[in-house]
Amino acid sequence: MSAVSSMSDIVALRISHCRAEQAAKDRMYHLAVMHYRDCLNAAERRQDARATEFFALQLARCYEHMGLRDKAAQFRALAEPGPDVHPLA
């Protein structure tokens, strides 16, 4: 991945994140989910475990607000770090 491509990916991720946050704040959860899914996909492409966990948790919260508990549980499980991940002390 080139530096320019990487920078544009980061900018696109940040834009999607801002849009998702605003949509969630405005209680437009379907729109927030769309943007958070874009963020989650970008985090997974970058193999960024912390970002993947963060965006999965945001998706879980949106799905909870929408009353979709099973869907929320799936993303909450994705947000939990695996057994080989050690938090920073």
PDB file of N, CA and C in Angstrom:
ATOM      1  N   MET A   1       0.847  -1.170   0.000  1.00  0.00           N
ATOM      2  CA  MET A   1       0.000   0.000   0.000  1.00  0.00           C
ATOM      3  C   MET A   1       0.896   1.238   0.000  1.00  0.00           C
ATOM      4  N   SER A   2       0.661   2.153  -0.902  1.00  0.00           N
ATOM      5  CA  SER A   2       1.494   3.349  -0.974  1.00  0.00           C
ATOM      6  C   SER A   2       1.108   4.328   0.128  1.00  0.00           C
ATOM      7  N   ALA A   3       1.999   5.274   0.381  1.00  0.00           N
ATOM      8  CA  ALA A   3       1.746   6.269   1.421  1.00  0.00           C
ATOM      9  C   ALA A   3       0.528   7.117   1.087  1.00  0.00           C
ATOM     10  N   VAL A   4       0.359   7.461  -0.198  1.00  0.00           N
ATOM     11  CA  VAL A   4      -0.790   8.276  -0.619  1.00  0.00           C
ATOM     12  C   VAL A   4      -2.080   7.493  -0.423  1.00  0.00           C
ATOM     13  N   SER A   5      -2.071   6.223  -0.814  1.00  0.00           N
ATOM     14  CA  SER A   5      -3.251   5.368  -0.645  1.00  0.00           C
ATOM     15  C   SER A   5      -3.594   5.212   0.830  1.00  0.00           C
ATOM     16  N   SER A   6      -2.566   5.012   1.641  1.00  0.00           N
ATOM     17  CA  SER A   6      -2.770   4.856   3.077  1.00  0.00           C
ATOM     18  C   SER A   6      -3.368   6.127   3.677  1.00  0.00           C
ATOM     19  N   MET A   7      -2.867   7.283   3.262  1.00  0.00           N
ATOM     20  CA  MET A   7      -3.377   8.551   3.782  1.00  0.00           C
ATOM     21  C   MET A   7      -4.824   8.772   3.369  1.00  0.00           C
ATOM     22  N   SER A   8      -5.170   8.446   2.123  1.00  0.00           N
ATOM     23  CA  SER A   8      -6.548   8.638   1.687  1.00  0.00           C
ATOM     24  C   SER A   8      -7.484   7.669   2.405  1.00  0.00           C
ATOM     25  N   ASP A   9      -6.995   6.462   2.729  1.00  0.00           N
ATOM     26  CA  ASP A   9      -7.793   5.510   3.503  1.00  0.00           C
ATOM     27  C   ASP A   9      -8.075   6.057   4.899  1.00  0.00           C
ATOM     28  N   ILE A  10      -7.072   6.654   5.499  1.00  0.00           N
ATOM     29  CA  ILE A  10      -7.237   7.219   6.843  1.00  0.00           C
ATOM     30  C   ILE A  10      -8.227   8.380   6.810  1.00  0.00           C
ATOM     31  N   VAL A  11      -8.138   9.218   5.789  1.00  0.00           N
ATOM     32  CA  VAL A  11      -9.064  10.347   5.654  1.00  0.00           C
ATOM     33  C   VAL A  11     -10.489   9.832   5.456  1.00  0.00           C
ATOM     34  N   ALA A  12     -10.658   8.837   4.591  1.00  0.00           N
ATOM     35  CA  ALA A  12     -11.984   8.261   4.349  1.00  0.00           C
ATOM     36  C   ALA A  12     -12.541   7.642   5.632  1.00  0.00           C
ATOM     37  N   LEU A  13     -11.680   6.975   6.381  1.00  0.00           N
ATOM     38  CA  LEU A  13     -12.101   6.374   7.647  1.00  0.00           C
ATOM     39  C   LEU A  13     -12.562   7.449   8.617  1.00  0.00           C
ATOM     40  N   ARG A  14     -11.801   8.513   8.713  1.00  0.00           N
ATOM     41  CA  ARG A  14     -12.161   9.604   9.635  1.00  0.00           C
ATOM     42  C   ARG A  14     -13.475  10.258   9.238  1.00  0.00           C
ATOM     43  N   ILE A  15     -13.687  10.448   7.955  1.00  0.00           N
ATOM     44  CA  ILE A  15     -14.946  11.038   7.480  1.00  0.00           C
ATOM     45  C   ILE A  15     -16.114  10.120   7.832  1.00  0.00           C
ATOM     46  N   SER A  16     -15.960   8.831   7.566  1.00  0.00           N
ATOM     47  CA  SER A  16     -17.027   7.877   7.894  1.00  0.00           C
ATOM     48  C   SER A  16     -17.293   7.860   9.394  1.00  0.00           C
ATOM     49  N   HIS A  17     -16.226   7.913  10.183  1.00  0.00           N
ATOM     50  CA  HIS A  17     -16.385   7.916  11.634  1.00  0.00           C
ATOM     51  C   HIS A  17     -17.163   9.153  12.090  1.00  0.00           C
ATOM     52  N   CYS A  18     -16.810  10.316  11.579  1.00  0.00           N
ATOM     53  CA  CYS A  18     -17.524  11.551  11.952  1.00  0.00           C
ATOM     54  C   CYS A  18     -18.991  11.487  11.554  1.00  0.00           C
ATOM     55  N   ARG A  19     -19.258  10.965  10.367  1.00  0.00           N
ATOM     56  CA  ARG A  19     -20.644  10.836   9.910  1.00  0.00           C
ATOM     57  C   ARG A  19     -21.416   9.859  10.784  1.00  0.00           C
ATOM     58  N   ALA A  20     -20.778   8.770  11.161  1.00  0.00           N
ATOM     59  CA  ALA A  20     -21.430   7.775  12.018  1.00  0.00           C
ATOM     60  C   ALA A  20     -21.751   8.373  13.388  1.00  0.00           C
ATOM     61  N   GLU A  21     -20.790   9.082  13.963  1.00  0.00           N
ATOM     62  CA  GLU A  21     -21.019   9.700  15.274  1.00  0.00           C
ATOM     63  C   GLU A  21     -22.177  10.687  15.226  1.00  0.00           C
ATOM     64  N   GLN A  22     -22.221  11.501  14.181  1.00  0.00           N
ATOM     65  CA  GLN A  22     -23.285  12.486  14.068  1.00  0.00           C
ATOM     66  C   GLN A  22     -24.635  11.806  13.884  1.00  0.00           C
ATOM     67  N   ALA A  23     -24.679  10.778  13.056  1.00  0.00           N
ATOM     68  CA  ALA A  23     -25.931  10.054  12.839  1.00  0.00           C
ATOM     69  C   ALA A  23     -26.411   9.414  14.146  1.00  0.00           C
ATOM     70  N   ALA A  24     -25.505   8.825  14.906  1.00  0.00           N
ATOM     71  CA  ALA A  24     -25.880   8.214  16.181  1.00  0.00           C
ATOM     72  C   ALA A  24     -26.377   9.284  17.156  1.00  0.00           C
ATOM     73  N   LYS A  25     -25.711  10.411  17.181  1.00  0.00           N
ATOM     74  CA  LYS A  25     -26.122  11.509  18.048  1.00  0.00           C
ATOM     75  C   LYS A  25     -27.531  11.980  17.692  1.00  0.00           C
ATOM     76  N   ASP A  26     -27.833  11.968  16.399  1.00  0.00           N
ATOM     77  CA  ASP A  26     -29.148  12.391  15.914  1.00  0.00           C
ATOM     78  C   ASP A  26     -30.185  11.262  15.949  1.00  0.00           C
ATOM     79  N   ARG A  27     -29.787  10.119  16.533  1.00  0.00           N
ATOM     80  CA  ARG A  27     -30.661   8.945  16.655  1.00  0.00           C
ATOM     81  C   ARG A  27     -31.062   8.376  15.286  1.00  0.00           C
ATOM     82  N   MET A  28     -30.200   8.542  14.324  1.00  0.00           N
ATOM     83  CA  MET A  28     -30.412   7.982  12.988  1.00  0.00           C
ATOM     84  C   MET A  28     -29.543   6.721  12.906  1.00  0.00           C
ATOM     85  N   TYR A  29     -29.951   5.703  13.644  1.00  0.00           N
ATOM     86  CA  TYR A  29     -29.105   4.534  13.861  1.00  0.00           C
ATOM     87  C   TYR A  29     -28.856   3.720  12.590  1.00  0.00           C
ATOM     88  N   HIS A  30     -29.828   3.674  11.682  1.00  0.00           N
ATOM     89  CA  HIS A  30     -29.597   2.941  10.431  1.00  0.00           C
ATOM     90  C   HIS A  30     -28.452   3.582   9.641  1.00  0.00           C
ATOM     91  N   LEU A  31     -28.436   4.903   9.617  1.00  0.00           N
ATOM     92  CA  LEU A  31     -27.365   5.617   8.927  1.00  0.00           C
ATOM     93  C   LEU A  31     -26.041   5.450   9.669  1.00  0.00           C
ATOM     94  N   ALA A  32     -26.086   5.515  10.983  1.00  0.00           N
ATOM     95  CA  ALA A  32     -24.869   5.314  11.784  1.00  0.00           C
ATOM     96  C   ALA A  32     -24.286   3.929  11.526  1.00  0.00           C
ATOM     97  N   VAL A  33     -25.140   2.917  11.463  1.00  0.00           N
ATOM     98  CA  VAL A  33     -24.677   1.550  11.198  1.00  0.00           C
ATOM     99  C   VAL A  33     -23.964   1.481   9.856  1.00  0.00           C
ATOM    100  N   MET A  34     -24.541   2.110   8.840  1.00  0.00           N
ATOM    101  CA  MET A  34     -23.918   2.091   7.517  1.00  0.00           C
ATOM    102  C   MET A  34     -22.496   2.651   7.576  1.00  0.00           C
ATOM    103  N   HIS A  35     -22.335   3.789   8.246  1.00  0.00           N
ATOM    104  CA  HIS A  35     -21.010   4.416   8.329  1.00  0.00           C
ATOM    105  C   HIS A  35     -20.066   3.634   9.239  1.00  0.00           C
ATOM    106  N   TYR A  36     -20.570   3.117  10.362  1.00  0.00           N
ATOM    107  CA  TYR A  36     -19.710   2.322  11.246  1.00  0.00           C
ATOM    108  C   TYR A  36     -19.270   1.026  10.569  1.00  0.00           C
ATOM    109  N   ARG A  37     -20.109   0.457   9.722  1.00  0.00           N
ATOM    110  CA  ARG A  37     -19.700  -0.746   8.984  1.00  0.00           C
ATOM    111  C   ARG A  37     -18.562  -0.412   8.015  1.00  0.00           C
ATOM    112  N   ASP A  38     -18.643   0.754   7.374  1.00  0.00           N
ATOM    113  CA  ASP A  38     -17.535   1.198   6.512  1.00  0.00           C
ATOM    114  C   ASP A  38     -16.253   1.304   7.338  1.00  0.00           C
ATOM    115  N   CYS A  39     -16.382   1.872   8.526  1.00  0.00           N
ATOM    116  CA  CYS A  39     -15.224   2.018   9.416  1.00  0.00           C
ATOM    117  C   CYS A  39     -14.676   0.653   9.829  1.00  0.00           C
ATOM    118  N   LEU A  40     -15.568  -0.251  10.183  1.00  0.00           N
ATOM    119  CA  LEU A  40     -15.151  -1.584  10.600  1.00  0.00           C
ATOM    120  C   LEU A  40     -14.427  -2.298   9.470  1.00  0.00           C
ATOM    121  N   ASN A  41     -14.970  -2.205   8.265  1.00  0.00           N
ATOM    122  CA  ASN A  41     -14.322  -2.833   7.113  1.00  0.00           C
ATOM    123  C   ASN A  41     -12.931  -2.252   6.875  1.00  0.00           C
ATOM    124  N   ALA A  42     -12.802  -0.938   6.992  1.00  0.00           N
ATOM    125  CA  ALA A  42     -11.493  -0.298   6.803  1.00  0.00           C
ATOM    126  C   ALA A  42     -10.511  -0.750   7.880  1.00  0.00           C
ATOM    127  N   ALA A  43     -10.981  -0.844   9.114  1.00  0.00           N
ATOM    128  CA  ALA A  43     -10.114  -1.288  10.216  1.00  0.00           C
ATOM    129  C   ALA A  43      -9.650  -2.724   9.994  1.00  0.00           C
ATOM    130  N   GLU A  44     -10.562  -3.558   9.513  1.00  0.00           N
ATOM    131  CA  GLU A  44     -10.187  -4.948   9.245  1.00  0.00           C
ATOM    132  C   GLU A  44      -9.183  -5.034   8.099  1.00  0.00           C
ATOM    133  N   ARG A  45      -9.368  -4.224   7.052  1.00  0.00           N
ATOM    134  CA  ARG A  45      -8.412  -4.208   5.933  1.00  0.00           C
ATOM    135  C   ARG A  45      -7.027  -3.797   6.407  1.00  0.00           C
ATOM    136  N   ARG A  46      -6.989  -2.853   7.345  1.00  0.00           N
ATOM    137  CA  ARG A  46      -5.715  -2.366   7.874  1.00  0.00           C
ATOM    138  C   ARG A  46      -5.153  -3.299   8.948  1.00  0.00           C
ATOM    139  N   GLN A  47      -5.913  -4.316   9.299  1.00  0.00           N
ATOM    140  CA  GLN A  47      -5.527  -5.272  10.352  1.00  0.00           C
ATOM    141  C   GLN A  47      -5.237  -4.540  11.665  1.00  0.00           C
ATOM    142  N   ASP A  48      -6.102  -3.572  11.969  1.00  0.00           N
ATOM    143  CA  ASP A  48      -5.981  -2.773  13.184  1.00  0.00           C
ATOM    144  C   ASP A  48      -6.958  -3.337  14.216  1.00  0.00           C
ATOM    145  N   ALA A  49      -6.445  -4.137  15.128  1.00  0.00           N
ATOM    146  CA  ALA A  49      -7.289  -4.842  16.096  1.00  0.00           C
ATOM    147  C   ALA A  49      -8.044  -3.877  17.010  1.00  0.00           C
ATOM    148  N   ARG A  50      -7.384  -2.856  17.485  1.00  0.00           N
ATOM    149  CA  ARG A  50      -8.058  -1.900  18.390  1.00  0.00           C
ATOM    150  C   ARG A  50      -9.182  -1.157  17.687  1.00  0.00           C
ATOM    151  N   ALA A  51      -8.930  -0.712  16.458  1.00  0.00           N
ATOM    152  CA  ALA A  51      -9.973  -0.015  15.709  1.00  0.00           C
ATOM    153  C   ALA A  51     -11.127  -0.964  15.392  1.00  0.00           C
ATOM    154  N   THR A  52     -10.814  -2.204  15.064  1.00  0.00           N
ATOM    155  CA  THR A  52     -11.853  -3.202  14.795  1.00  0.00           C
ATOM    156  C   THR A  52     -12.731  -3.381  16.026  1.00  0.00           C
ATOM    157  N   GLU A  53     -12.108  -3.515  17.187  1.00  0.00           N
ATOM    158  CA  GLU A  53     -12.862  -3.659  18.433  1.00  0.00           C
ATOM    159  C   GLU A  53     -13.716  -2.424  18.703  1.00  0.00           C
ATOM    160  N   PHE A  54     -13.143  -1.244  18.506  1.00  0.00           N
ATOM    161  CA  PHE A  54     -13.863  -0.001  18.760  1.00  0.00           C
ATOM    162  C   PHE A  54     -15.094   0.118  17.870  1.00  0.00           C
ATOM    163  N   PHE A  55     -14.918  -0.106  16.564  1.00  0.00           N
ATOM    164  CA  PHE A  55     -16.053   0.063  15.650  1.00  0.00           C
ATOM    165  C   PHE A  55     -17.087  -1.047  15.828  1.00  0.00           C
ATOM    166  N   ALA A  56     -16.660  -2.242  16.199  1.00  0.00           N
ATOM    167  CA  ALA A  56     -17.612  -3.316  16.491  1.00  0.00           C
ATOM    168  C   ALA A  56     -18.463  -2.932  17.705  1.00  0.00           C
ATOM    169  N   LEU A  57     -17.843  -2.326  18.705  1.00  0.00           N
ATOM    170  CA  LEU A  57     -18.580  -1.888  19.890  1.00  0.00           C
ATOM    171  C   LEU A  57     -19.580  -0.785  19.529  1.00  0.00           C
ATOM    172  N   GLN A  58     -19.172   0.128  18.670  1.00  0.00           N
ATOM    173  CA  GLN A  58     -20.099   1.186  18.249  1.00  0.00           C
ATOM    174  C   GLN A  58     -21.296   0.595  17.495  1.00  0.00           C
ATOM    175  N   LEU A  59     -21.021  -0.390  16.663  1.00  0.00           N
ATOM    176  CA  LEU A  59     -22.117  -1.069  15.958  1.00  0.00           C
ATOM    177  C   LEU A  59     -23.038  -1.766  16.954  1.00  0.00           C
ATOM    178  N   ALA A  60     -22.473  -2.428  17.949  1.00  0.00           N
ATOM    179  CA  ALA A  60     -23.290  -3.100  18.968  1.00  0.00           C
ATOM    180  C   ALA A  60     -24.208  -2.100  19.657  1.00  0.00           C
ATOM    181  N   ARG A  61     -23.681  -0.942  19.995  1.00  0.00           N
ATOM    182  CA  ARG A  61     -24.502   0.085  20.663  1.00  0.00           C
ATOM    183  C   ARG A  61     -25.638   0.558  19.770  1.00  0.00           C
ATOM    184  N   CYS A  62     -25.350   0.765  18.499  1.00  0.00           N
ATOM    185  CA  CYS A  62     -26.402   1.190  17.566  1.00  0.00           C
ATOM    186  C   CYS A  62     -27.485   0.127  17.452  1.00  0.00           C
ATOM    187  N   TYR A  63     -27.067  -1.124  17.293  1.00  0.00           N
ATOM    188  CA  TYR A  63     -28.045  -2.203  17.180  1.00  0.00           C
ATOM    189  C   TYR A  63     -28.873  -2.338  18.457  1.00  0.00           C
ATOM    190  N   GLU A  64     -28.277  -2.092  19.614  1.00  0.00           N
ATOM    191  CA  GLU A  64     -29.041  -2.122  20.864  1.00  0.00           C
ATOM    192  C   GLU A  64     -30.107  -1.038  20.863  1.00  0.00           C
ATOM    193  N   HIS A  65     -29.751   0.156  20.411  1.00  0.00           N
ATOM    194  CA  HIS A  65     -30.727   1.247  20.328  1.00  0.00           C
ATOM    195  C   HIS A  65     -31.854   0.907  19.355  1.00  0.00           C
ATOM    196  N   MET A  66     -31.547   0.122  18.348  1.00  0.00           N
ATOM    197  CA  MET A  66     -32.545  -0.266  17.356  1.00  0.00           C
ATOM    198  C   MET A  66     -33.380  -1.451  17.825  1.00  0.00           C
ATOM    199  N   GLY A  67     -33.048  -2.009  18.979  1.00  0.00           N
ATOM    200  CA  GLY A  67     -33.779  -3.140  19.513  1.00  0.00           C
ATOM    201  C   GLY A  67     -33.367  -4.474  18.914  1.00  0.00           C
ATOM    202  N   LEU A  68     -32.233  -4.517  18.243  1.00  0.00           N
ATOM    203  CA  LEU A  68     -31.736  -5.737  17.607  1.00  0.00           C
ATOM    204  C   LEU A  68     -30.664  -6.361  18.510  1.00  0.00           C
ATOM    205  N   ARG A  69     -31.118  -6.986  19.577  1.00  0.00           N
ATOM    206  CA  ARG A  69     -30.220  -7.512  20.611  1.00  0.00           C
ATOM    207  C   ARG A  69     -29.296  -8.612  20.098  1.00  0.00           C
ATOM    208  N   ASP A  70     -29.801  -9.511  19.254  1.00  0.00           N
ATOM    209  CA  ASP A  70     -28.956 -10.595  18.730  1.00  0.00           C
ATOM    210  C   ASP A  70     -27.833 -10.042  17.864  1.00  0.00           C
ATOM    211  N   LYS A  71     -28.189  -9.080  17.019  1.00  0.00           N
ATOM    212  CA  LYS A  71     -27.180  -8.455  16.159  1.00  0.00           C
ATOM    213  C   LYS A  71     -26.158  -7.717  17.019  1.00  0.00           C
ATOM    214  N   ALA A  72     -26.635  -7.025  18.042  1.00  0.00           N
ATOM    215  CA  ALA A  72     -25.742  -6.307  18.959  1.00  0.00           C
ATOM    216  C   ALA A  72     -24.779  -7.286  19.629  1.00  0.00           C
ATOM    217  N   ALA A  73     -25.286  -8.434  20.024  1.00  0.00           N
ATOM    218  CA  ALA A  73     -24.446  -9.427  20.700  1.00  0.00           C
ATOM    219  C   ALA A  73     -23.337  -9.929  19.783  1.00  0.00           C
ATOM    220  N   GLN A  74     -23.637 -10.083  18.495  1.00  0.00           N
ATOM    221  CA  GLN A  74     -22.622 -10.527  17.541  1.00  0.00           C
ATOM    222  C   GLN A  74     -21.477  -9.527  17.466  1.00  0.00           C
ATOM    223  N   PHE A  75     -21.804  -8.255  17.407  1.00  0.00           N
ATOM    224  CA  PHE A  75     -20.762  -7.237  17.303  1.00  0.00           C
ATOM    225  C   PHE A  75     -20.062  -7.018  18.633  1.00  0.00           C
ATOM    226  N   ARG A  76     -20.789  -7.202  19.735  1.00  0.00           N
ATOM    227  CA  ARG A  76     -20.144  -7.092  21.044  1.00  0.00           C
ATOM    228  C   ARG A  76     -19.108  -8.206  21.200  1.00  0.00           C
ATOM    229  N   ALA A  77     -19.427  -9.386  20.704  1.00  0.00           N
ATOM    230  CA  ALA A  77     -18.472 -10.506  20.753  1.00  0.00           C
ATOM    231  C   ALA A  77     -17.244 -10.198  19.900  1.00  0.00           C
ATOM    232  N   LEU A  78     -17.453  -9.572  18.759  1.00  0.00           N
ATOM    233  CA  LEU A  78     -16.332  -9.184  17.894  1.00  0.00           C
ATOM    234  C   LEU A  78     -15.456  -8.133  18.582  1.00  0.00           C
ATOM    235  N   ALA A  79     -16.056  -7.318  19.429  1.00  0.00           N
ATOM    236  CA  ALA A  79     -15.325  -6.242  20.108  1.00  0.00           C
ATOM    237  C   ALA A  79     -14.458  -6.755  21.251  1.00  0.00           C
ATOM    238  N   GLU A  80     -14.707  -7.984  21.704  1.00  0.00           N
ATOM    239  CA  GLU A  80     -13.919  -8.523  22.802  1.00  0.00           C
ATOM    240  C   GLU A  80     -12.572  -9.000  22.278  1.00  0.00           C
ATOM    241  N   PRO A  81     -11.485  -8.569  22.910  1.00  0.00           N
ATOM    242  CA  PRO A  81     -10.167  -9.016  22.450  1.00  0.00           C
ATOM    243  C   PRO A  81     -10.001 -10.516  22.652  1.00  0.00           C
ATOM    244  N   GLY A  82      -9.264 -11.125  21.765  1.00  0.00           N
ATOM    245  CA  GLY A  82      -9.012 -12.555  21.861  1.00  0.00           C
ATOM    246  C   GLY A  82      -8.087 -12.884  23.006  1.00  0.00           C
ATOM    247  N   PRO A  83      -7.903 -14.177  23.312  1.00  0.00           N
ATOM    248  CA  PRO A  83      -7.067 -14.569  24.455  1.00  0.00           C
ATOM    249  C   PRO A  83      -5.586 -14.246  24.276  1.00  0.00           C
ATOM    250  N   ASP A  84      -5.145 -14.046  23.028  1.00  0.00           N
ATOM    251  CA  ASP A  84      -3.726 -13.749  22.802  1.00  0.00           C
ATOM    252  C   ASP A  84      -3.443 -12.251  22.768  1.00  0.00           C
ATOM    253  N   VAL A  85      -4.460 -11.417  23.010  1.00  0.00           N
ATOM    254  CA  VAL A  85      -4.280  -9.975  23.025  1.00  0.00           C
ATOM    255  C   VAL A  85      -4.137  -9.525  24.474  1.00  0.00           C
ATOM    256  N   HIS A  86      -3.055  -8.827  24.752  1.00  0.00           N
ATOM    257  CA  HIS A  86      -2.792  -8.351  26.114  1.00  0.00           C
ATOM    258  C   HIS A  86      -2.905  -6.841  26.141  1.00  0.00           C
ATOM    259  N   PRO A  87      -3.798  -6.293  26.969  1.00  0.00           N
ATOM    260  CA  PRO A  87      -3.903  -4.830  27.058  1.00  0.00           C
ATOM    261  C   PRO A  87      -2.616  -4.227  27.588  1.00  0.00           C
ATOM    262  N   LEU A  88      -2.401  -3.005  27.222  1.00  0.00           N
ATOM    263  CA  LEU A  88      -1.210  -2.296  27.721  1.00  0.00           C
ATOM    264  C   LEU A  88      -1.374  -2.026  29.198  1.00  0.00           C
ATOM    265  N   ALA A  89      -0.335  -2.220  29.930  1.00  0.00           N
ATOM    266  CA  ALA A  89      -0.380  -2.004  31.388  1.00  0.00           C
ATOM    267  C   ALA A  89      -0.109  -0.557  31.713  1.00  0.00           C
TER     268      ALA A  89
END
